Amino acid sequence: MQDARRADVEIIYEGKDITTPVNEYLKSFSYTDIASGESDRVQIDMHDVDMQWMDAWMPNKGDRISAVLALKNWGTGGDSARVYCGEFQLDEMSFKGRPTSVGLGAVSIPRDEPFNTEERTKTWEAVTVHQIAQEISLRAGVALYYEAGDILIETIEQNEQTDCKFLYSVCADYGLAMKVYANRIIIFDEEAYENKPCIRDINEKEMEGWSYKSTMAGTYTGAVVSYTDPNNEKEYEVVIGGGKRILRVNENVDSIEDAERKGTAKLNNENKKAVSMKITMMADARVKAAACINVTGLGGKLGGKYYIDKVTTKKGGSSICQMTLDAHKVVPRIKGASVRAAGQEAAGEGLGGTAYTVVHGDTLWKIAKQFYGRGQDYSDIYNANMETIESTAKGRGKKDSSHGHWIFPGTVLAIPAKEGEG
């Protein structure tokens, strides 16, 4: 006969194991695991009839707590698992009665207090996101885990911001996820994590409850970012995607590439709310924020691949332990940008032709042959799109496009109709 399923909380408080008294008085324990944008949290609520937590055991703000959730005889095979929640700093405590109880709330931030409290002003120049994170992590005395590409920033202002708030904002601007966990700053490319295999299937029959939401409100088919070239003071617009629901991104940008990165990040971050799901189920040590799951048993429209934005695991005074997942559906991200003069019509408008988006491997000769049957007619396409082609080439670090030799994926070109066509 299989032993009874059991969930216990193990707590180390300022280096001392207080697991026994915590479980003796425990009302509830909650661990919130967030993929990006906020720090993880734990909340411990306990009975305090003898008022010991108000007297001899009185905690202090800033004290350090580490927590583990031990799942024993769990799942159909009676397996056991341990969920390491991380290290936390006590930042909230509350007492109430009757009966008397105490609540301890703690947040996952480094031991170095200035990381989260001291405001700094600094101009960062010719630096990568990785280098910014390295300097901040060294100052905070924590390890850095960085899993993303090199993103160069010409100049950025840290204006009366804490290192914590500033680094979160930098990562958000460039489409990177960041969290603080177990005295580490973790930065990663969220899109790369969305593309990873699902850690498991979750069938509707396993769910204690679920809700599904699909909305157009606040979601977009494209974005436009304005950019002023410091060399000639001309105004350009960097266009990502297209369609009718366009997001206007008001950001300080220092190059066309910078505008593309920030616009793409903002657009796809907004679109994460397009399709979302909340699932409540029995706790599973494998399920963590930033992982992907495959939802089954709800049909092809509601089911499919989801990325977990947040996991909230709750245990009451009994051995019942559930988790609630907040997730968004994984869909192809909108990428690829074109550049046009401010106020210029979108490609294909007013030309009696059509619009074509450049893909990897394209040349104007190849495109002309596709549309006209003659590669020699490439100059017609170049002349119709000269400003777009040249400004995009310069934004990519080229002196010019070499009369259309340099074209880049994502650029939207107008293909003018030949006489007698259209």
Protein backbone atom coordinates (compact mmCIF):
# COMPACT_ATOMS: atom_id res chain seq x y z
CA MET A 1 0.00 0.00 0.00
CA GLN A 2 1.38 3.37 -1.03
CA ASP A 3 2.07 5.83 1.80
CA ALA A 4 -0.07 8.94 1.96
CA ARG A 5 0.88 11.83 -0.27
CA ARG A 6 2.52 14.63 1.72
CA ALA A 7 3.91 18.14 1.13
CA ASP A 8 6.22 19.73 3.68
CA VAL A 9 7.89 23.11 3.82
CA GLU A 10 11.56 23.29 4.83
CA ILE A 11 12.75 26.69 6.01
CA ILE A 12 16.24 27.95 6.85
CA TYR A 13 16.05 31.32 8.63
CA GLU A 14 19.30 33.29 9.02
CA GLY A 15 21.21 30.01 8.76
CA LYS A 16 19.04 28.19 11.33
CA ASP A 17 16.72 25.30 10.44
CA ILE A 18 13.22 26.25 11.67
CA THR A 19 11.34 23.62 9.66
CA THR A 20 9.77 21.96 12.72
CA PRO A 21 8.17 25.03 14.33
CA VAL A 22 7.07 26.41 10.97
CA ASN A 23 5.20 23.20 10.05
CA GLU A 24 3.77 22.93 13.56
CA TYR A 25 2.09 26.34 13.29
CA LEU A 26 1.68 26.59 9.50
CA LYS A 27 -1.58 27.91 8.09
CA SER A 28 -0.39 28.27 4.50
CA PHE A 29 2.72 28.60 2.36
CA SER A 30 2.87 30.24 -1.07
CA TYR A 31 5.71 30.44 -3.57
CA THR A 32 5.41 32.66 -6.65
CA ASP A 33 7.83 31.84 -9.47
CA ILE A 34 7.86 34.59 -12.13
CA ALA A 35 9.52 34.23 -15.53
CA SER A 36 10.46 37.88 -15.93
CA GLY A 37 9.90 41.44 -14.79
CA GLU A 38 9.51 40.85 -11.05
CA SER A 39 11.28 39.03 -8.26
CA ASP A 40 10.04 35.68 -6.94
CA ARG A 41 8.22 35.77 -3.59
CA VAL A 42 7.29 33.51 -0.70
CA GLN A 43 4.53 34.08 1.84
CA ILE A 44 4.37 32.11 5.10
CA ASP A 45 1.26 32.42 7.28
CA MET A 46 1.24 30.77 10.73
CA HIS A 47 -0.87 30.46 13.85
CA ASP A 48 0.64 32.27 16.84
CA VAL A 49 -1.71 31.49 19.71
CA ASP A 50 1.17 31.57 22.21
CA MET A 51 2.38 34.88 20.72
CA GLN A 52 5.94 33.56 20.37
CA TRP A 53 6.40 35.20 16.93
CA MET A 54 5.43 38.49 18.53
CA ASP A 55 7.99 38.08 21.32
CA ALA A 56 10.97 35.70 21.47
CA TRP A 57 10.76 34.72 17.79
CA MET A 58 10.12 38.25 16.51
CA PRO A 59 11.58 38.48 12.98
CA ASN A 60 13.46 41.44 11.53
CA LYS A 61 13.03 42.97 8.12
CA GLY A 62 15.99 42.12 5.94
CA ASP A 63 16.50 38.68 7.49
CA ARG A 64 17.35 35.95 4.98
CA ILE A 65 15.12 32.94 4.33
CA SER A 66 15.64 29.94 2.07
CA ALA A 67 12.74 27.64 1.30
CA VAL A 68 12.24 24.14 -0.09
CA LEU A 69 8.93 22.43 -0.82
CA ALA A 70 9.29 18.67 -0.26
CA LEU A 71 6.74 16.53 -2.11
CA LYS A 72 6.63 12.98 -0.73
CA ASN A 73 4.88 9.97 -2.28
CA TRP A 74 3.75 12.31 -5.05
CA GLY A 75 2.19 11.40 -8.38
CA THR A 76 0.90 8.06 -9.57
CA GLY A 77 4.22 6.29 -8.93
CA GLY A 78 4.57 7.54 -5.38
CA ASP A 79 7.73 9.44 -6.27
CA SER A 80 9.22 12.19 -4.15
CA ALA A 81 10.56 15.53 -5.32
CA ARG A 82 12.06 18.67 -3.87
CA VAL A 83 11.26 22.14 -5.20
CA TYR A 84 14.00 24.60 -4.30
CA CYS A 85 12.22 27.93 -4.10
CA GLY A 86 15.37 30.03 -3.61
CA GLU A 87 16.76 32.56 -1.16
CA PHE A 88 14.69 35.51 -0.03
CA GLN A 89 14.85 38.66 2.04
CA LEU A 90 12.08 39.33 4.57
CA ASP A 91 10.36 42.55 3.52
CA GLU A 92 6.89 42.27 5.07
CA MET A 93 5.47 40.99 8.34
CA SER A 94 1.98 41.29 9.74
CA PHE A 95 0.12 40.20 12.87
CA LYS A 96 -3.59 39.88 13.48
CA GLY A 97 -6.05 38.33 15.89
CA ARG A 98 -8.15 36.67 17.13
CA PRO A 99 -6.94 33.98 16.93
CA THR A 100 -3.44 35.44 16.74
CA SER A 101 -1.51 34.79 13.56
CA VAL A 102 1.63 36.03 11.82
CA GLY A 103 2.42 36.55 8.15
CA LEU A 104 5.94 36.69 6.72
CA GLY A 105 6.52 37.90 3.17
CA ALA A 106 9.93 37.69 1.50
CA VAL A 107 11.30 38.66 -1.91
CA SER A 108 14.13 37.20 -3.97
CA ILE A 109 16.73 39.98 -4.17
CA PRO A 110 20.51 39.93 -3.60
CA ARG A 111 21.90 40.46 -0.13
CA ASP A 112 23.49 43.71 -1.33
CA GLU A 113 20.86 46.26 -0.25
CA PRO A 114 21.93 49.10 -2.62
CA PHE A 115 20.96 46.90 -5.60
CA ASN A 116 17.31 47.47 -4.74
CA THR A 117 17.42 50.73 -2.76
CA GLU A 118 20.21 53.05 -3.90
CA GLU A 119 19.32 55.30 -6.82
CA ARG A 120 22.10 56.00 -9.33
CA THR A 121 22.59 58.39 -12.22
CA LYS A 122 24.96 57.35 -14.96
CA THR A 123 25.39 57.66 -18.71
CA TRP A 124 26.34 54.33 -20.28
CA GLU A 125 28.07 54.66 -23.66
CA ALA A 126 29.14 52.12 -26.31
CA VAL A 127 28.15 49.21 -24.10
CA THR A 128 26.32 45.91 -24.51
CA VAL A 129 23.42 44.70 -22.39
CA HIS A 130 25.72 41.90 -21.21
CA GLN A 131 28.34 44.40 -20.03
CA ILE A 132 25.74 46.45 -18.14
CA ALA A 133 24.50 43.28 -16.42
CA GLN A 134 28.06 42.21 -15.58
CA GLU A 135 28.90 45.51 -13.87
CA ILE A 136 25.65 45.56 -11.92
CA SER A 137 25.96 41.91 -10.82
CA LEU A 138 29.54 42.48 -9.64
CA ARG A 139 28.44 45.52 -7.65
CA ALA A 140 25.61 43.48 -6.08
CA GLY A 141 27.97 40.59 -5.29
CA VAL A 142 25.92 37.98 -7.12
CA ALA A 143 26.49 35.64 -10.05
CA LEU A 144 25.19 36.48 -13.52
CA TYR A 145 23.61 33.93 -15.85
CA TYR A 146 23.32 35.51 -19.31
CA GLU A 147 21.81 33.54 -22.19
CA ALA A 148 21.22 36.00 -25.02
CA GLY A 149 23.04 37.66 -27.89
CA ASP A 150 25.32 40.69 -27.77
CA ILE A 151 23.17 43.80 -28.05
CA LEU A 152 25.12 47.02 -28.54
CA ILE A 153 23.75 50.26 -27.10
CA GLU A 154 25.33 53.54 -28.23
CA THR A 155 24.12 55.49 -25.21
CA ILE A 156 21.58 54.99 -22.43
CA GLU A 157 20.77 56.97 -19.27
CA GLN A 158 20.36 55.50 -15.82
CA ASN A 159 18.52 58.44 -14.31
CA GLU A 160 17.94 58.24 -10.54
CA GLN A 161 17.14 54.54 -10.77
CA THR A 162 18.24 51.62 -8.66
CA ASP A 163 20.43 49.05 -10.41
CA CYS A 164 17.56 46.58 -10.07
CA LYS A 165 14.93 48.79 -11.71
CA PHE A 166 17.33 50.02 -14.41
CA LEU A 167 18.45 46.53 -15.44
CA TYR A 168 14.85 45.30 -15.58
CA SER A 169 13.98 48.22 -17.90
CA VAL A 170 16.99 47.65 -20.17
CA CYS A 171 16.09 43.99 -20.61
CA ALA A 172 12.44 44.82 -21.32
CA ASP A 173 13.44 47.42 -23.93
CA TYR A 174 15.44 44.83 -25.86
CA GLY A 175 13.09 41.86 -25.57
CA LEU A 176 15.03 39.97 -22.91
CA ALA A 177 13.64 38.31 -19.80
CA MET A 178 15.21 38.93 -16.39
CA LYS A 179 14.67 37.54 -12.93
CA VAL A 180 16.56 37.31 -9.65
CA TYR A 181 16.73 33.81 -8.25
CA ALA A 182 18.89 32.16 -5.59
CA ASN A 183 21.33 35.11 -5.41
CA ARG A 184 21.75 35.13 -9.19
CA ILE A 185 20.67 37.59 -11.85
CA ILE A 186 19.28 35.56 -14.74
CA ILE A 187 18.86 37.12 -18.19
CA PHE A 188 17.68 35.16 -21.22
CA ASP A 189 16.07 35.46 -24.64
CA GLU A 190 12.39 34.72 -24.04
CA GLU A 191 11.74 33.85 -27.69
CA ALA A 192 14.45 31.16 -27.53
CA TYR A 193 12.72 29.69 -24.47
CA GLU A 194 9.35 29.77 -26.25
CA ASN A 195 10.95 27.67 -28.99
CA LYS A 196 12.16 24.97 -26.58
CA PRO A 197 10.32 21.63 -26.39
CA CYS A 198 7.41 21.32 -23.97
CA ILE A 199 8.38 19.86 -20.59
CA ARG A 200 5.13 17.89 -20.43
CA ASP A 201 1.54 17.54 -21.61
CA ILE A 202 -1.20 18.77 -19.30
CA ASN A 203 -4.59 17.25 -20.04
CA GLU A 204 -7.89 18.90 -19.08
CA LYS A 205 -8.66 15.91 -16.85
CA GLU A 206 -5.69 16.79 -14.62
CA MET A 207 -6.87 20.34 -14.08
CA GLU A 208 -8.74 21.38 -10.95
CA GLY A 209 -9.84 24.45 -12.86
CA TRP A 210 -8.94 26.47 -15.93
CA SER A 211 -9.85 29.62 -17.83
CA TYR A 212 -9.04 30.69 -21.39
CA LYS A 213 -8.98 34.22 -22.78
CA SER A 214 -8.54 35.49 -26.33
CA THR A 215 -8.59 39.22 -27.00
CA MET A 216 -7.80 41.75 -29.71
CA ALA A 217 -7.72 44.62 -27.22
CA GLY A 218 -4.17 45.83 -26.73
CA THR A 219 -2.74 43.48 -29.39
CA TYR A 220 -1.27 44.55 -32.72
CA THR A 221 -0.37 43.41 -36.23
CA GLY A 222 2.55 45.79 -36.54
CA ALA A 223 4.50 48.65 -35.01
CA VAL A 224 6.07 51.93 -36.10
CA VAL A 225 9.04 53.60 -34.40
CA SER A 226 10.20 57.11 -35.32
CA TYR A 227 13.90 57.83 -35.77
CA THR A 228 15.80 61.04 -36.56
CA ASP A 229 19.12 60.54 -38.34
CA PRO A 230 21.69 62.73 -36.49
CA ASN A 231 23.76 63.07 -39.68
CA ASN A 232 21.12 64.77 -41.82
CA GLU A 233 18.29 65.49 -39.33
CA LYS A 234 15.89 63.59 -41.57
CA GLU A 235 13.03 61.76 -39.90
CA TYR A 236 12.38 58.11 -40.69
CA GLU A 237 9.92 55.49 -39.57
CA VAL A 238 10.96 51.93 -38.83
CA VAL A 239 8.04 49.64 -39.65
CA ILE A 240 7.71 46.17 -38.10
CA GLY A 241 4.98 43.94 -39.49
CA GLY A 242 1.96 45.67 -41.05
CA GLY A 243 -1.82 45.50 -41.12
CA LYS A 244 -4.37 47.80 -39.53
CA ARG A 245 -3.70 47.47 -35.80
CA ILE A 246 -0.46 49.43 -35.53
CA LEU A 247 1.36 50.17 -32.28
CA ARG A 248 3.11 53.56 -32.18
CA VAL A 249 6.26 53.10 -30.09
CA ASN A 250 7.58 56.25 -28.44
CA GLU A 251 11.12 55.37 -27.41
CA ASN A 252 14.47 57.13 -27.52
CA VAL A 253 16.47 55.31 -30.20
CA ASP A 254 20.00 55.94 -31.44
CA SER A 255 19.97 54.00 -34.72
CA ILE A 256 17.65 52.21 -37.11
CA GLU A 257 18.78 48.87 -35.68
CA ASP A 258 18.04 50.15 -32.15
CA ALA A 259 14.57 51.25 -33.28
CA GLU A 260 13.94 47.82 -34.81
CA ARG A 261 14.99 46.00 -31.63
CA LYS A 262 12.91 48.19 -29.31
CA GLY A 263 9.88 48.22 -31.60
CA THR A 264 9.96 44.45 -32.06
CA ALA A 265 10.32 43.89 -28.31
CA LYS A 266 7.44 46.22 -27.44
CA LEU A 267 5.17 44.79 -30.15
CA ASN A 268 5.66 41.16 -29.18
CA ASN A 269 5.45 41.89 -25.46
CA GLU A 270 2.04 43.51 -25.98
CA ASN A 271 0.90 40.58 -28.11
CA LYS A 272 1.58 38.03 -25.36
CA LYS A 273 -1.86 38.89 -23.96
CA ALA A 274 -3.60 37.87 -27.22
CA VAL A 275 -4.28 34.30 -26.02
CA SER A 276 -3.76 33.35 -22.38
CA MET A 277 -4.70 30.55 -20.03
CA LYS A 278 -4.85 30.05 -16.26
CA ILE A 279 -4.63 26.47 -14.98
CA THR A 280 -4.95 25.13 -11.43
CA MET A 281 -3.61 21.62 -10.86
CA MET A 282 -1.79 19.39 -8.41
CA ALA A 283 1.75 20.63 -7.74
CA ASP A 284 4.40 19.24 -10.10
CA ALA A 285 8.09 19.84 -9.41
CA ARG A 286 8.82 19.82 -13.15
CA VAL A 287 6.58 22.78 -13.91
CA LYS A 288 8.41 26.10 -13.61
CA ALA A 289 8.11 29.61 -15.00
CA ALA A 290 9.77 30.13 -18.41
CA ALA A 291 9.02 26.51 -19.43
CA CYS A 292 6.56 25.44 -22.12
CA ILE A 293 3.67 23.01 -21.73
CA ASN A 294 1.36 21.32 -24.22
CA VAL A 295 -2.31 21.69 -23.25
CA THR A 296 -4.45 18.76 -24.40
CA GLY A 297 -8.07 17.70 -24.06
CA LEU A 298 -9.46 21.13 -24.98
CA GLY A 299 -9.46 20.83 -28.76
CA GLY A 300 -7.13 22.37 -31.30
CA LYS A 301 -8.26 25.97 -30.80
CA LEU A 302 -7.79 26.21 -27.02
CA GLY A 303 -5.06 23.60 -26.68
CA GLY A 304 -1.50 23.65 -27.91
CA LYS A 305 1.82 25.05 -26.79
CA TYR A 306 1.88 27.60 -23.95
CA TYR A 307 4.75 29.46 -22.28
CA ILE A 308 4.48 29.77 -18.49
CA ASP A 309 4.75 33.36 -17.28
CA LYS A 310 4.07 32.65 -13.59
CA VAL A 311 3.62 29.69 -11.26
CA THR A 312 2.02 30.15 -7.85
CA THR A 313 2.36 27.09 -5.62
CA LYS A 314 0.24 27.00 -2.45
CA LYS A 315 0.20 24.58 0.44
CA GLY A 316 -2.30 24.78 3.28
CA GLY A 317 -1.97 23.37 6.77
CA SER A 318 -2.88 19.95 5.37
CA SER A 319 -0.90 18.09 2.74
CA ILE A 320 -2.91 19.57 -0.13
CA CYS A 321 -0.54 21.38 -2.48
CA GLN A 322 -1.69 22.99 -5.70
CA MET A 323 -0.17 25.26 -8.31
CA THR A 324 -1.74 27.85 -10.56
CA LEU A 325 -0.13 28.57 -13.92
CA ASP A 326 -0.47 31.84 -15.82
CA ALA A 327 0.60 31.22 -19.41
CA HIS A 328 0.37 32.69 -22.90
CA LYS A 329 0.00 30.77 -26.13
CA VAL A 330 3.16 30.46 -28.20
CA VAL A 331 2.68 31.91 -31.69
CA PRO A 332 5.22 33.07 -34.29
CA ARG A 333 6.61 36.47 -33.33
CA ILE A 334 6.34 39.44 -35.66
CA LYS A 335 9.83 40.33 -36.89
CA GLY A 336 11.60 42.01 -39.77
CA ALA A 337 11.59 45.75 -40.37
CA SER A 338 11.60 48.21 -43.25
CA VAL A 339 12.50 51.89 -43.18
CA ARG A 340 10.65 54.74 -44.84
CA ALA A 341 10.77 58.52 -44.73
CA ALA A 342 8.37 60.00 -42.18
CA GLY A 343 4.99 60.47 -43.82
CA GLN A 344 5.86 58.25 -46.77
CA GLU A 345 3.14 55.91 -48.00
CA ALA A 346 3.52 52.28 -47.11
CA ALA A 347 5.06 50.10 -49.79
CA GLY A 348 2.67 49.30 -52.60
CA GLU A 349 0.29 52.21 -51.95
CA GLY A 350 -0.37 54.51 -54.88
CA LEU A 351 1.96 52.59 -57.20
CA GLY A 352 -0.56 50.36 -58.96
CA GLY A 353 1.50 47.38 -57.82
CA THR A 354 1.94 45.19 -54.78
CA ALA A 355 4.07 44.91 -51.66
CA TYR A 356 6.77 42.30 -51.17
CA THR A 357 8.73 41.51 -47.99
CA VAL A 358 12.38 40.61 -48.55
CA VAL A 359 13.43 37.20 -47.22
CA HIS A 360 16.87 35.71 -46.63
CA GLY A 361 18.66 35.01 -49.93
CA ASP A 362 16.72 37.57 -51.98
CA THR A 363 18.33 39.93 -54.52
CA LEU A 364 16.61 42.61 -56.58
CA TRP A 365 17.46 40.57 -59.69
CA LYS A 366 15.72 37.51 -58.21
CA ILE A 367 12.68 39.54 -57.18
CA ALA A 368 12.43 41.20 -60.59
CA LYS A 369 12.57 37.82 -62.29
CA GLN A 370 9.81 36.55 -59.97
CA PHE A 371 7.46 39.46 -60.74
CA TYR A 372 8.44 40.49 -64.26
CA GLY A 373 10.05 37.38 -65.70
CA ARG A 374 13.27 39.38 -66.33
CA GLY A 375 15.99 39.97 -63.77
CA GLN A 376 17.25 42.88 -65.89
CA ASP A 377 14.25 44.92 -64.74
CA TYR A 378 15.56 45.07 -61.14
CA SER A 379 16.26 48.82 -61.54
CA ASP A 380 12.49 49.48 -61.74
CA ILE A 381 12.12 48.06 -58.23
CA TYR A 382 15.21 49.90 -56.99
CA ASN A 383 14.02 53.26 -58.36
CA ALA A 384 10.57 52.82 -56.77
CA ASN A 385 12.11 51.99 -53.38
CA MET A 386 15.38 53.95 -53.48
CA GLU A 387 14.84 55.83 -50.21
CA THR A 388 13.75 52.72 -48.31
CA ILE A 389 16.62 50.60 -49.65
CA GLU A 390 19.28 53.25 -49.00
CA SER A 391 18.11 54.21 -45.49
CA THR A 392 17.85 50.54 -44.49
CA ALA A 393 21.37 49.84 -45.79
CA LYS A 394 22.77 52.78 -43.82
CA GLY A 395 20.90 51.62 -40.74
CA ARG A 396 22.65 48.25 -41.13
CA GLY A 397 26.09 49.88 -41.15
CA LYS A 398 26.62 50.13 -44.93
CA LYS A 399 27.82 53.31 -46.66
CA ASP A 400 25.04 52.81 -49.20
CA SER A 401 23.17 49.92 -50.85
CA SER A 402 25.51 49.79 -53.88
CA HIS A 403 22.53 50.47 -56.16
CA GLY A 404 20.37 47.81 -54.53
CA HIS A 405 23.04 45.17 -54.01
CA TRP A 406 22.47 45.29 -50.25
CA ILE A 407 18.88 44.49 -49.29
CA PHE A 408 17.84 42.97 -45.98
CA PRO A 409 15.21 40.48 -44.78
CA GLY A 410 12.09 42.17 -43.46
CA THR A 411 12.30 45.18 -45.80
CA VAL A 412 8.93 45.80 -47.46
CA LEU A 413 9.34 46.78 -51.13
CA ALA A 414 6.78 48.26 -53.52
CA ILE A 415 6.71 46.25 -56.76
CA PRO A 416 5.46 48.73 -59.36
CA ALA A 417 3.16 47.44 -62.06
CA LYS A 418 4.47 47.39 -65.61
CA GLU A 419 2.61 49.35 -68.25
CA GLY A 420 -0.50 47.48 -69.21
CA GLU A 421 -0.59 45.67 -65.82
CA GLY A 422 -2.53 46.33 -62.60
